[in-house]
Amino acid sequence: MGILNLTPDSFSDGGKFNSEKAALEHTEKLLKDGAEIIDIGPQSTRPHAEFLSSKEEIERIANIISQIKKKFPQALISLDTFYSETVKFGFNEGIDIINDISGGQFDPKMFDTAAETRLPYILMHVNPSYETMHDKLKFEDITLEVNRYFSKKTDELLKKGIKDIILDPGFGFGKTVEDQMKMISETEYLGFEKFPLLIGISRKSFIYKPLGKSPLDINEETQKLHMKVLEQGARILRVHDVAEAAFTIRQFCKKNKKC
């Protein structure tokens, strides 16, 4: 999954791809580098980011989804939003996957809208509100906490008829460095192997801050962690650097004689 941020304020690539021309050019590069899914983000969710309404998200997306679908029909598009209205707009434009960082907690209509679209739904673990999503909470056991959340939320989704669910443990959202490293080590226990697991650790601060590096200088360390989660059953990697992640996946497949 290659990341396409349409934002002026994302932490590592803000303002680079927020025009239709730049977005299409970057999509082409992501696909050439090996991406199968393009994850479109109209709003930054980094700490202290500008908060947008659904209307502003839709205005920012404009024709980009339909243009990508027209130019690159083979590409799957996921839409990174926590608004049901943005999902409805994206559905009409041709998206294939809903990527909701809020687990339906920031918009009470999200689960019903996801059910109406019948699209695959990415469920992420996060704190209960937009205002608290980056608060570092103390968890007795982060793996147990994430699994309790997944169990409760997947039950809600299944009851609404949403069966195509992807789980995202929420790296970078309200978790300590220690908890996130524990999640890396215990990836095989996340989600009970009931649903595909998505891992999004690309350019995350829990990797670069302890090393005293910038988000752009941790590719080697990130690929080692990618290999570690792949070996524990991760099925999707959400990344900025697609070529490097694709190489890691090929190495994993070669080593394990599968894929």
C-alpha atoms as a PDB file:
ATOM      1  CA  MET A   1       0.000   0.000   0.000  1.00  0.00           C
ATOM      2  CA  GLY A   2       1.601   3.210  -1.214  1.00  0.00           C
ATOM      3  CA  ILE A   3       0.767   6.452   0.585  1.00  0.00           C
ATOM      4  CA  LEU A   4      -0.550   9.420  -1.403  1.00  0.00           C
ATOM      5  CA  ASN A   5      -0.963  12.401   0.925  1.00  0.00           C
ATOM      6  CA  LEU A   6      -2.981  15.261  -0.553  1.00  0.00           C
ATOM      7  CA  THR A   7      -2.108  17.379   2.473  1.00  0.00           C
ATOM      8  CA  PRO A   8      -0.008  20.527   2.869  1.00  0.00           C
ATOM      9  CA  ASP A   9       0.966  19.569   6.445  1.00  0.00           C
ATOM     10  CA  SER A  10       1.816  15.856   6.614  1.00  0.00           C
ATOM     11  CA  PHE A  11       4.957  15.322   8.681  1.00  0.00           C
ATOM     12  CA  SER A  12       7.326  14.034   5.979  1.00  0.00           C
ATOM     13  CA  ASP A  13       5.808  14.872   2.586  1.00  0.00           C
ATOM     14  CA  GLY A  14       3.348  17.715   3.229  1.00  0.00           C
ATOM     15  CA  GLY A  15       2.590  19.845   0.173  1.00  0.00           C
ATOM     16  CA  LYS A  16       4.350  17.589  -2.335  1.00  0.00           C
ATOM     17  CA  PHE A  17       1.350  15.921  -3.955  1.00  0.00           C
ATOM     18  CA  ASN A  18      -1.632  18.197  -3.258  1.00  0.00           C
ATOM     19  CA  SER A  19      -2.258  19.148  -6.894  1.00  0.00           C
ATOM     20  CA  GLU A  20      -3.948  16.846  -9.400  1.00  0.00           C
ATOM     21  CA  LYS A  21      -0.860  16.735 -11.653  1.00  0.00           C
ATOM     22  CA  ALA A  22       1.536  15.962  -8.794  1.00  0.00           C
ATOM     23  CA  ALA A  23      -0.853  13.363  -7.334  1.00  0.00           C
ATOM     24  CA  LEU A  24      -1.136  11.532 -10.673  1.00  0.00           C
ATOM     25  CA  GLU A  25       2.629  11.611 -11.199  1.00  0.00           C
ATOM     26  CA  HIS A  26       3.252  10.237  -7.714  1.00  0.00           C
ATOM     27  CA  THR A  27       0.606   7.550  -8.177  1.00  0.00           C
ATOM     28  CA  GLU A  28       2.369   6.440 -11.354  1.00  0.00           C
ATOM     29  CA  LYS A  29       5.671   6.214  -9.474  1.00  0.00           C
ATOM     30  CA  LEU A  30       4.109   4.265  -6.583  1.00  0.00           C
ATOM     31  CA  LEU A  31       2.599   1.755  -9.008  1.00  0.00           C
ATOM     32  CA  LYS A  32       5.829   1.384 -10.992  1.00  0.00           C
ATOM     33  CA  ASP A  33       7.686   0.786  -7.729  1.00  0.00           C
ATOM     34  CA  GLY A  34       5.336  -2.083  -6.875  1.00  0.00           C
ATOM     35  CA  ALA A  35       2.314  -0.671  -5.029  1.00  0.00           C
ATOM     36  CA  GLU A  36      -0.953  -2.548  -5.454  1.00  0.00           C
ATOM     37  CA  ILE A  37      -3.057  -0.222  -3.295  1.00  0.00           C
ATOM     38  CA  ILE A  38      -2.920   3.594  -3.341  1.00  0.00           C
ATOM     39  CA  ASP A  39      -3.959   5.031   0.030  1.00  0.00           C
ATOM     40  CA  ILE A  40      -5.287   8.560  -0.481  1.00  0.00           C
ATOM     41  CA  GLY A  41      -5.150  10.832   2.558  1.00  0.00           C
ATOM     42  CA  PRO A  42      -6.892  14.218   2.345  1.00  0.00           C
ATOM     43  CA  GLN A  43      -6.188  15.102   6.003  1.00  0.00           C
ATOM     44  CA  SER A  44      -3.039  14.807   8.088  1.00  0.00           C
ATOM     45  CA  THR A  45      -3.469  12.973  11.393  1.00  0.00           C
ATOM     46  CA  ARG A  46      -0.041  13.775  12.792  1.00  0.00           C
ATOM     47  CA  PRO A  47       0.041  15.507  16.212  1.00  0.00           C
ATOM     48  CA  HIS A  48      -1.145  19.165  16.042  1.00  0.00           C
ATOM     49  CA  ALA A  49      -2.264  18.850  12.414  1.00  0.00           C
ATOM     50  CA  GLU A  50      -4.911  21.131  10.932  1.00  0.00           C
ATOM     51  CA  PHE A  51      -8.391  19.721  11.553  1.00  0.00           C
ATOM     52  CA  LEU A  52     -10.574  19.548   8.430  1.00  0.00           C
ATOM     53  CA  SER A  53     -14.301  19.024   8.016  1.00  0.00           C
ATOM     54  CA  SER A  54     -15.624  16.389   5.631  1.00  0.00           C
ATOM     55  CA  LYS A  55     -16.553  19.163   3.205  1.00  0.00           C
ATOM     56  CA  GLU A  56     -12.953  20.405   3.200  1.00  0.00           C
ATOM     57  CA  GLU A  57     -11.660  16.864   2.675  1.00  0.00           C
ATOM     58  CA  ILE A  58     -13.948  16.410  -0.328  1.00  0.00           C
ATOM     59  CA  GLU A  59     -12.868  19.759  -1.792  1.00  0.00           C
ATOM     60  CA  ARG A  60      -9.236  18.717  -1.374  1.00  0.00           C
ATOM     61  CA  ILE A  61      -9.794  15.352  -3.067  1.00  0.00           C
ATOM     62  CA  ALA A  62     -11.708  16.977  -5.968  1.00  0.00           C
ATOM     63  CA  ASN A  63     -11.305  14.786  -9.093  1.00  0.00           C
ATOM     64  CA  ILE A  64      -8.175  12.932  -8.019  1.00  0.00           C
ATOM     65  CA  ILE A  65      -9.852   9.573  -7.286  1.00  0.00           C
ATOM     66  CA  SER A  66     -11.724   9.479 -10.596  1.00  0.00           C
ATOM     67  CA  GLN A  67      -8.610  10.627 -12.486  1.00  0.00           C
ATOM     68  CA  ILE A  68      -6.477   7.890 -10.910  1.00  0.00           C
ATOM     69  CA  LYS A  69      -9.155   5.301 -11.731  1.00  0.00           C
ATOM     70  CA  LYS A  70      -9.280   6.561 -15.324  1.00  0.00           C
ATOM     71  CA  LYS A  71      -5.502   6.624 -15.845  1.00  0.00           C
ATOM     72  CA  PHE A  72      -4.572   3.588 -13.722  1.00  0.00           C
ATOM     73  CA  PRO A  73      -7.606   1.230 -13.756  1.00  0.00           C
ATOM     74  CA  GLN A  74      -5.522  -1.601 -12.285  1.00  0.00           C
ATOM     75  CA  ALA A  75      -4.887   0.342  -9.060  1.00  0.00           C
ATOM     76  CA  LEU A  76      -6.895  -0.363  -5.923  1.00  0.00           C
ATOM     77  CA  ILE A  77      -7.689   2.842  -4.034  1.00  0.00           C
ATOM     78  CA  SER A  78      -8.190   3.095  -0.297  1.00  0.00           C
ATOM     79  CA  LEU A  79      -9.480   6.337   1.177  1.00  0.00           C
ATOM     80  CA  ASP A  80      -8.000   7.413   4.504  1.00  0.00           C
ATOM     81  CA  THR A  81     -10.821   9.251   6.275  1.00  0.00           C
ATOM     82  CA  PHE A  82     -12.843   9.092   9.476  1.00  0.00           C
ATOM     83  CA  TYR A  83     -15.904  10.809   7.946  1.00  0.00           C
ATOM     84  CA  SER A  84     -18.877   8.882   6.573  1.00  0.00           C
ATOM     85  CA  GLU A  85     -19.678  11.710   4.122  1.00  0.00           C
ATOM     86  CA  THR A  86     -16.170  11.556   2.671  1.00  0.00           C
ATOM     87  CA  VAL A  87     -16.587   7.779   2.300  1.00  0.00           C
ATOM     88  CA  LYS A  88     -19.856   8.328   0.381  1.00  0.00           C
ATOM     89  CA  PHE A  89     -18.106  10.770  -1.936  1.00  0.00           C
ATOM     90  CA  GLY A  90     -15.174   8.396  -2.408  1.00  0.00           C
ATOM     91  CA  PHE A  91     -17.507   5.470  -3.089  1.00  0.00           C
ATOM     92  CA  ASN A  92     -19.200   7.429  -5.896  1.00  0.00           C
ATOM     93  CA  GLU A  93     -15.761   8.294  -7.305  1.00  0.00           C
ATOM     94  CA  GLY A  94     -14.675   4.638  -7.347  1.00  0.00           C
ATOM     95  CA  ILE A  95     -12.685   3.796  -4.190  1.00  0.00           C
ATOM     96  CA  ASP A  96     -12.126   0.124  -3.345  1.00  0.00           C
ATOM     97  CA  ILE A  97     -11.322   0.209   0.395  1.00  0.00           C
ATOM     98  CA  ILE A  98     -12.234   2.363   3.425  1.00  0.00           C
ATOM     99  CA  ASN A  99      -9.254   3.154   5.669  1.00  0.00           C
ATOM    100  CA  ASP A 100     -10.716   4.584   8.888  1.00  0.00           C
ATOM    101  CA  ILE A 101      -8.156   5.460  11.555  1.00  0.00           C
ATOM    102  CA  SER A 102     -10.951   6.047  14.076  1.00  0.00           C
ATOM    103  CA  GLY A 103     -12.555   2.620  14.212  1.00  0.00           C
ATOM    104  CA  GLY A 104     -15.917   4.355  13.791  1.00  0.00           C
ATOM    105  CA  GLN A 105     -15.366   6.407  16.951  1.00  0.00           C
ATOM    106  CA  PHE A 106     -15.118   9.901  15.402  1.00  0.00           C
ATOM    107  CA  ASP A 107     -18.285   9.656  13.276  1.00  0.00           C
ATOM    108  CA  PRO A 108     -21.257   7.607  14.561  1.00  0.00           C
ATOM    109  CA  LYS A 109     -22.485   7.029  10.986  1.00  0.00           C
ATOM    110  CA  MET A 110     -19.251   5.440   9.744  1.00  0.00           C
ATOM    111  CA  PHE A 111     -20.091   1.769  10.330  1.00  0.00           C
ATOM    112  CA  ASP A 112     -23.546   2.132   8.761  1.00  0.00           C
ATOM    113  CA  THR A 113     -22.032   3.885   5.748  1.00  0.00           C
ATOM    114  CA  ALA A 114     -19.353   1.218   5.396  1.00  0.00           C
ATOM    115  CA  ALA A 115     -22.094  -1.418   5.482  1.00  0.00           C
ATOM    116  CA  GLU A 116     -24.045   0.409   2.763  1.00  0.00           C
ATOM    117  CA  THR A 117     -21.028   0.570   0.444  1.00  0.00           C
ATOM    118  CA  ARG A 118     -20.092  -3.101   1.066  1.00  0.00           C
ATOM    119  CA  LEU A 119     -16.449  -2.096   0.673  1.00  0.00           C
ATOM    120  CA  PRO A 120     -13.577  -3.706   2.608  1.00  0.00           C
ATOM    121  CA  TYR A 121     -12.980  -1.806   5.844  1.00  0.00           C
ATOM    122  CA  ILE A 122      -9.647  -1.189   7.569  1.00  0.00           C
ATOM    123  CA  LEU A 123     -10.158  -1.104  11.346  1.00  0.00           C
ATOM    124  CA  MET A 124      -7.410   0.697  13.276  1.00  0.00           C
ATOM    125  CA  HIS A 125      -6.773   0.700  17.019  1.00  0.00           C
ATOM    126  CA  VAL A 126      -6.830   4.245  18.372  1.00  0.00           C
ATOM    127  CA  ASN A 127      -7.876   6.227  21.450  1.00  0.00           C
ATOM    128  CA  PRO A 128     -11.603   7.071  21.602  1.00  0.00           C
ATOM    129  CA  SER A 129     -11.620  10.666  20.285  1.00  0.00           C
ATOM    130  CA  TYR A 130      -9.858  12.945  17.797  1.00  0.00           C
ATOM    131  CA  GLU A 131      -8.641  15.140  20.675  1.00  0.00           C
ATOM    132  CA  THR A 132      -7.080  12.190  22.541  1.00  0.00           C
ATOM    133  CA  MET A 133      -5.839  10.043  19.640  1.00  0.00           C
ATOM    134  CA  HIS A 134      -2.192  10.946  20.286  1.00  0.00           C
ATOM    135  CA  ASP A 135      -2.331  10.865  24.102  1.00  0.00           C
ATOM    136  CA  LYS A 136       0.158   8.288  25.389  1.00  0.00           C
ATOM    137  CA  LEU A 137      -1.960   5.970  27.488  1.00  0.00           C
ATOM    138  CA  LYS A 138      -0.548   3.430  29.940  1.00  0.00           C
ATOM    139  CA  PHE A 139      -1.518  -0.088  28.967  1.00  0.00           C
ATOM    140  CA  GLU A 140      -0.878  -3.051  31.210  1.00  0.00           C
ATOM    141  CA  ASP A 141      -0.364  -5.175  28.085  1.00  0.00           C
ATOM    142  CA  ILE A 142      -0.609  -3.462  24.688  1.00  0.00           C
ATOM    143  CA  THR A 143      -1.206  -6.709  22.785  1.00  0.00           C
ATOM    144  CA  LEU A 144      -4.123  -7.643  25.048  1.00  0.00           C
ATOM    145  CA  GLU A 145      -5.513  -4.097  24.809  1.00  0.00           C
ATOM    146  CA  VAL A 146      -5.381  -4.070  20.993  1.00  0.00           C
ATOM    147  CA  ASN A 147      -6.962  -7.523  20.789  1.00  0.00           C
ATOM    148  CA  ARG A 148      -9.792  -6.560  23.173  1.00  0.00           C
ATOM    149  CA  TYR A 149     -10.487  -3.562  20.943  1.00  0.00           C
ATOM    150  CA  PHE A 150     -10.352  -5.665  17.778  1.00  0.00           C
ATOM    151  CA  SER A 151     -12.679  -8.253  19.293  1.00  0.00           C
ATOM    152  CA  LYS A 152     -15.288  -5.636  20.288  1.00  0.00           C
ATOM    153  CA  LYS A 153     -15.116  -3.659  17.061  1.00  0.00           C
ATOM    154  CA  THR A 154     -15.084  -6.618  14.665  1.00  0.00           C
ATOM    155  CA  ASP A 155     -18.153  -7.953  16.464  1.00  0.00           C
ATOM    156  CA  GLU A 156     -19.916  -4.626  15.796  1.00  0.00           C
ATOM    157  CA  LEU A 157     -18.832  -4.660  12.152  1.00  0.00           C
ATOM    158  CA  LEU A 158     -19.892  -8.259  11.576  1.00  0.00           C
ATOM    159  CA  LYS A 159     -23.319  -7.556  13.078  1.00  0.00           C
ATOM    160  CA  LYS A 160     -23.754  -4.764  10.514  1.00  0.00           C
ATOM    161  CA  GLY A 161     -22.839  -7.160   7.699  1.00  0.00           C
ATOM    162  CA  ILE A 162     -19.279  -5.919   7.176  1.00  0.00           C
ATOM    163  CA  LYS A 163     -17.259  -9.090   6.732  1.00  0.00           C
ATOM    164  CA  ASP A 164     -14.275  -7.947   4.646  1.00  0.00           C
ATOM    165  CA  ILE A 165     -12.221  -6.498   7.500  1.00  0.00           C
ATOM    166  CA  ILE A 166      -8.505  -5.629   7.660  1.00  0.00           C
ATOM    167  CA  LEU A 167      -6.890  -4.963  11.040  1.00  0.00           C
ATOM    168  CA  ASP A 168      -4.397  -2.163  11.730  1.00  0.00           C
ATOM    169  CA  PRO A 169      -2.873  -2.064  15.256  1.00  0.00           C
ATOM    170  CA  GLY A 170      -2.321   1.698  14.983  1.00  0.00           C
ATOM    171  CA  PHE A 171       1.412   2.326  15.161  1.00  0.00           C
ATOM    172  CA  GLY A 172       2.070   5.999  15.859  1.00  0.00           C
ATOM    173  CA  PHE A 173      -1.233   6.639  17.644  1.00  0.00           C
ATOM    174  CA  GLY A 174      -1.154   7.094  21.427  1.00  0.00           C
ATOM    175  CA  LYS A 175       1.407   4.398  22.173  1.00  0.00           C
ATOM    176  CA  THR A 176       4.824   4.544  23.803  1.00  0.00           C
ATOM    177  CA  VAL A 177       7.996   3.499  21.985  1.00  0.00           C
ATOM    178  CA  GLU A 178       8.167   0.450  24.265  1.00  0.00           C
ATOM    179  CA  ASP A 179       4.588  -0.565  23.496  1.00  0.00           C
ATOM    180  CA  GLN A 180       5.155  -0.213  19.769  1.00  0.00           C
ATOM    181  CA  MET A 181       8.300  -2.323  19.858  1.00  0.00           C
ATOM    182  CA  LYS A 182       6.343  -4.911  21.840  1.00  0.00           C
ATOM    183  CA  MET A 183       3.680  -4.917  19.100  1.00  0.00           C
ATOM    184  CA  ILE A 184       6.418  -5.515  16.518  1.00  0.00           C
ATOM    185  CA  SER A 185       7.690  -8.468  18.546  1.00  0.00           C
ATOM    186  CA  GLU A 186       4.191  -9.850  19.115  1.00  0.00           C
ATOM    187  CA  THR A 187       2.669  -9.211  15.674  1.00  0.00           C
ATOM    188  CA  GLU A 188       1.786 -12.894  15.333  1.00  0.00           C
ATOM    189  CA  TYR A 189      -0.618 -12.574  18.289  1.00  0.00           C
ATOM    190  CA  LEU A 190      -2.453  -9.481  17.022  1.00  0.00           C
ATOM    191  CA  GLY A 191      -5.954 -10.117  15.697  1.00  0.00           C
ATOM    192  CA  PHE A 192      -6.080 -13.848  16.397  1.00  0.00           C
ATOM    193  CA  GLU A 193      -5.309 -14.534  12.703  1.00  0.00           C
ATOM    194  CA  LYS A 194      -9.002 -14.034  11.922  1.00  0.00           C
ATOM    195  CA  PHE A 195      -8.498 -11.140   9.525  1.00  0.00           C
ATOM    196  CA  PRO A 196      -5.606  -9.814   7.368  1.00  0.00           C
ATOM    197  CA  LEU A 197      -3.200  -7.586   9.278  1.00  0.00           C
ATOM    198  CA  LEU A 198      -1.988  -4.235   7.933  1.00  0.00           C
ATOM    199  CA  ILE A 199       1.183  -2.723   9.394  1.00  0.00           C
ATOM    200  CA  GLY A 200       1.891   0.998   8.996  1.00  0.00           C
ATOM    201  CA  ILE A 201       5.255   1.913  10.504  1.00  0.00           C
ATOM    202  CA  SER A 202       6.659   3.966   7.624  1.00  0.00           C
ATOM    203  CA  ARG A 203       8.555   7.052   8.872  1.00  0.00           C
ATOM    204  CA  LYS A 204       7.047   6.718  12.351  1.00  0.00           C
ATOM    205  CA  SER A 205       8.664   8.533  15.261  1.00  0.00           C
ATOM    206  CA  PHE A 206       9.003   5.443  17.456  1.00  0.00           C
ATOM    207  CA  ILE A 207      11.693   4.334  14.997  1.00  0.00           C
ATOM    208  CA  TYR A 208      13.540   7.550  14.174  1.00  0.00           C
ATOM    209  CA  LYS A 209      13.397   9.507  17.445  1.00  0.00           C
ATOM    210  CA  PRO A 210      15.277   6.962  19.628  1.00  0.00           C
ATOM    211  CA  LEU A 211      17.935   6.806  16.890  1.00  0.00           C
ATOM    212  CA  GLY A 212      18.284  10.585  16.687  1.00  0.00           C
ATOM    213  CA  LYS A 213      17.475  10.469  12.962  1.00  0.00           C
ATOM    214  CA  SER A 214      14.940  12.118  10.666  1.00  0.00           C
ATOM    215  CA  PRO A 215      11.893  10.330   9.195  1.00  0.00           C
ATOM    216  CA  LEU A 216      13.684  10.155   5.841  1.00  0.00           C
ATOM    217  CA  ASP A 217      16.830   8.456   7.176  1.00  0.00           C
ATOM    218  CA  ILE A 218      15.493   5.219   8.652  1.00  0.00           C
ATOM    219  CA  ASN A 219      14.848   3.077   5.590  1.00  0.00           C
ATOM    220  CA  GLU A 220      17.280   0.325   6.587  1.00  0.00           C
ATOM    221  CA  GLU A 221      15.833   0.063  10.104  1.00  0.00           C
ATOM    222  CA  THR A 222      12.272   0.151   8.750  1.00  0.00           C
ATOM    223  CA  GLN A 223      12.890  -2.674   6.276  1.00  0.00           C
ATOM    224  CA  LYS A 224      14.293  -4.873   9.055  1.00  0.00           C
ATOM    225  CA  LEU A 225      11.080  -4.292  11.023  1.00  0.00           C
ATOM    226  CA  HIS A 226       9.007  -4.922   7.890  1.00  0.00           C
ATOM    227  CA  MET A 227      10.707  -8.303   7.495  1.00  0.00           C
ATOM    228  CA  LYS A 228      10.014  -9.076  11.139  1.00  0.00           C
ATOM    229  CA  VAL A 229       6.262  -8.406  10.835  1.00  0.00           C
ATOM    230  CA  LEU A 230       5.996 -10.243   7.508  1.00  0.00           C
ATOM    231  CA  GLU A 231       7.531 -13.303   9.141  1.00  0.00           C
ATOM    232  CA  GLN A 232       4.777 -13.076  11.766  1.00  0.00           C
ATOM    233  CA  GLY A 233       1.909 -12.980   9.304  1.00  0.00           C
ATOM    234  CA  ALA A 234       1.433  -9.322   8.294  1.00  0.00           C
ATOM    235  CA  ARG A 235      -0.317  -9.185   4.910  1.00  0.00           C
ATOM    236  CA  ILE A 236      -0.210  -5.494   3.936  1.00  0.00           C
ATOM    237  CA  LEU A 237       2.535  -2.901   4.451  1.00  0.00           C
ATOM    238  CA  ARG A 238       1.435   0.750   4.316  1.00  0.00           C
ATOM    239  CA  VAL A 239       4.500   2.686   3.172  1.00  0.00           C
ATOM    240  CA  HIS A 240       5.914   5.880   1.700  1.00  0.00           C
ATOM    241  CA  ASP A 241       8.942   4.126   0.165  1.00  0.00           C
ATOM    242  CA  VAL A 242       7.320   1.505  -2.041  1.00  0.00           C
ATOM    243  CA  ALA A 243      10.367   0.265  -3.979  1.00  0.00           C
ATOM    244  CA  GLU A 244      12.244  -0.547  -0.776  1.00  0.00           C
ATOM    245  CA  ALA A 245       9.228  -2.289   0.792  1.00  0.00           C
ATOM    246  CA  ALA A 246       8.585  -4.251  -2.417  1.00  0.00           C
ATOM    247  CA  PHE A 247      12.197  -5.472  -2.319  1.00  0.00           C
ATOM    248  CA  THR A 248      11.724  -6.585   1.295  1.00  0.00           C
ATOM    249  CA  ILE A 249       8.564  -8.471   0.320  1.00  0.00           C
ATOM    250  CA  ARG A 250      10.395 -10.206  -2.540  1.00  0.00           C
ATOM    251  CA  GLN A 251      13.170 -11.204  -0.156  1.00  0.00           C
ATOM    252  CA  PHE A 252      10.586 -12.553   2.283  1.00  0.00           C
ATOM    253  CA  CYS A 253       8.873 -14.554  -0.462  1.00  0.00           C
ATOM    254  CA  LYS A 254      12.187 -15.961  -1.714  1.00  0.00           C
ATOM    255  CA  LYS A 255      13.319 -16.903   1.793  1.00  0.00           C
ATOM    256  CA  ASN A 256      10.029 -18.582   2.678  1.00  0.00           C
ATOM    257  CA  LYS A 257       9.394 -20.070  -0.782  1.00  0.00           C
ATOM    258  CA  LYS A 258       5.882 -18.642  -0.918  1.00  0.00           C
ATOM    259  CA  CYS A 259       3.893 -15.681  -2.279  1.00  0.00           C
END
